[in-house]
Amino acid sequence: MVLWWDTDLDKLSKVQHEAIGNPDNQVFVSSVTGWELGIKRAAGKLVLSDSIRTLIRRFGFIELPITVEHGESAASLPLLHSDPFDRMLVAQALIEELTLVTADATIRNTE
């Protein structure tokens, strides 16, 4: 989501755009997002306007660290999705009672 907010707002629905842009809402970005985007950036598969940490701060988003509870929850999720990054995002959203913004149809269909 932070990537789309920075480079491609068209990937967000109108409802998502309004919710993320609403200053009354807190928007969290998982540490796993920084990890995944950092790997893609280092491999030359992704170009960002700045560091992920800087983007999070610039947009007023809040960093969401990964906890042991998140890890245990991600490991216990049904194997509907094999991507470990996505599994962590789902676990964090469930535990922290957050709405997960994703384009991944597999994740969206399990909500």
Protein backbone atom coordinates (compact mmCIF):
# COMPACT_ATOMS: atom_id res chain seq x y z
CA MET A 1 0.00 0.00 0.00
CA VAL A 2 2.82 2.43 0.83
CA LEU A 3 4.26 1.69 -2.62
CA TRP A 4 0.96 2.57 -4.33
CA TRP A 5 0.55 5.68 -2.21
CA ASP A 6 3.97 6.80 -3.43
CA THR A 7 3.86 5.79 -7.08
CA ASP A 8 0.50 4.50 -8.33
CA LEU A 9 -2.65 5.79 -6.63
CA ASP A 10 -4.75 4.18 -9.38
CA LYS A 11 -4.15 0.79 -7.74
CA LEU A 12 -6.21 1.92 -4.76
CA SER A 13 -9.99 1.97 -4.85
CA LYS A 14 -11.79 5.22 -4.13
CA VAL A 15 -12.78 3.90 -0.69
CA GLN A 16 -9.18 2.86 0.09
CA HIS A 17 -7.83 6.20 -1.10
CA GLU A 18 -10.30 8.14 1.04
CA ALA A 19 -9.66 5.97 4.11
CA ILE A 20 -5.87 6.22 3.82
CA GLY A 21 -5.99 9.94 3.10
CA ASN A 22 -8.34 10.70 5.99
CA PRO A 23 -6.27 12.39 8.71
CA ASP A 24 -8.60 10.92 11.36
CA ASN A 25 -7.45 7.39 10.45
CA GLN A 26 -4.22 5.79 11.59
CA VAL A 27 -2.44 3.98 8.76
CA PHE A 28 0.01 1.26 9.71
CA VAL A 29 2.77 -0.18 7.55
CA SER A 30 4.18 -3.52 8.63
CA SER A 31 7.88 -4.11 9.10
CA VAL A 32 7.41 -7.03 6.72
CA THR A 33 6.48 -4.54 4.00
CA GLY A 34 9.79 -2.75 4.50
CA TRP A 35 11.58 -6.08 4.35
CA GLU A 36 9.82 -7.28 1.19
CA LEU A 37 10.14 -3.97 -0.68
CA GLY A 38 13.75 -3.64 0.47
CA ILE A 39 14.58 -7.04 -1.03
CA LYS A 40 12.91 -6.09 -4.33
CA ARG A 41 14.67 -2.74 -4.36
CA ALA A 42 18.09 -4.31 -3.69
CA ALA A 43 17.49 -6.81 -6.51
CA GLY A 44 16.77 -3.97 -8.93
CA LYS A 45 13.12 -5.01 -9.34
CA LEU A 46 11.68 -1.90 -7.73
CA VAL A 47 12.39 1.82 -7.83
CA LEU A 48 11.13 4.04 -5.02
CA SER A 49 11.34 7.80 -4.68
CA ASP A 50 12.99 7.40 -1.25
CA SER A 51 13.69 4.84 1.46
CA ILE A 52 10.67 2.94 2.71
CA ARG A 53 11.18 4.33 6.20
CA THR A 54 11.28 7.88 4.83
CA LEU A 55 8.11 7.31 2.81
CA ILE A 56 6.29 5.98 5.87
CA ARG A 57 7.26 9.08 7.83
CA ARG A 58 6.55 11.49 4.96
CA PHE A 59 3.02 10.17 4.57
CA GLY A 60 2.36 10.18 8.32
CA PHE A 61 1.97 6.41 8.48
CA ILE A 62 2.89 4.35 11.55
CA GLU A 63 5.44 1.55 11.56
CA LEU A 64 4.00 -1.77 12.78
CA PRO A 65 6.74 -4.00 14.21
CA ILE A 66 6.63 -7.78 14.01
CA THR A 67 6.14 -9.54 17.33
CA VAL A 68 6.52 -13.17 18.38
CA GLU A 69 2.72 -13.34 18.62
CA HIS A 70 2.50 -12.23 14.99
CA GLY A 71 5.02 -14.90 14.00
CA GLU A 72 3.17 -17.68 15.80
CA SER A 73 -0.12 -16.56 14.28
CA ALA A 74 1.34 -16.42 10.76
CA ALA A 75 2.68 -19.96 11.19
CA SER A 76 -0.71 -21.26 12.28
CA LEU A 77 -2.76 -19.74 9.45
CA PRO A 78 -4.37 -22.15 6.98
CA LEU A 79 -2.17 -22.77 3.95
CA LEU A 80 -4.33 -20.73 1.61
CA HIS A 81 -1.32 -18.61 0.76
CA SER A 82 2.31 -19.73 0.75
CA ASP A 83 3.95 -16.29 0.60
CA PRO A 84 5.48 -15.69 4.06
CA PHE A 85 5.24 -11.91 3.72
CA ASP A 86 1.52 -12.09 2.97
CA ARG A 87 0.97 -14.58 5.79
CA MET A 88 2.58 -12.12 8.21
CA LEU A 89 0.41 -9.25 6.96
CA VAL A 90 -2.73 -11.33 7.47
CA ALA A 91 -1.62 -12.39 10.96
CA GLN A 92 -0.84 -8.81 11.97
CA ALA A 93 -4.16 -7.54 10.63
CA LEU A 94 -6.05 -10.22 12.56
CA ILE A 95 -4.20 -9.74 15.85
CA GLU A 96 -4.16 -5.94 15.74
CA GLU A 97 -7.72 -5.77 14.35
CA LEU A 98 -6.63 -3.73 11.33
CA THR A 99 -7.99 -3.57 7.79
CA LEU A 100 -5.50 -5.02 5.32
CA VAL A 101 -5.25 -3.16 2.02
CA THR A 102 -4.12 -5.61 -0.65
CA ALA A 103 -4.49 -6.35 -4.34
CA ASP A 104 -3.97 -10.07 -3.69
CA ALA A 105 -7.21 -11.87 -4.63
CA THR A 106 -6.35 -14.89 -2.49
CA ILE A 107 -6.15 -12.74 0.62
CA ARG A 108 -9.21 -10.66 -0.25
CA ASN A 109 -11.31 -13.79 -0.80
CA THR A 110 -10.54 -15.12 2.69
CA GLU A 111 -11.83 -12.06 4.55
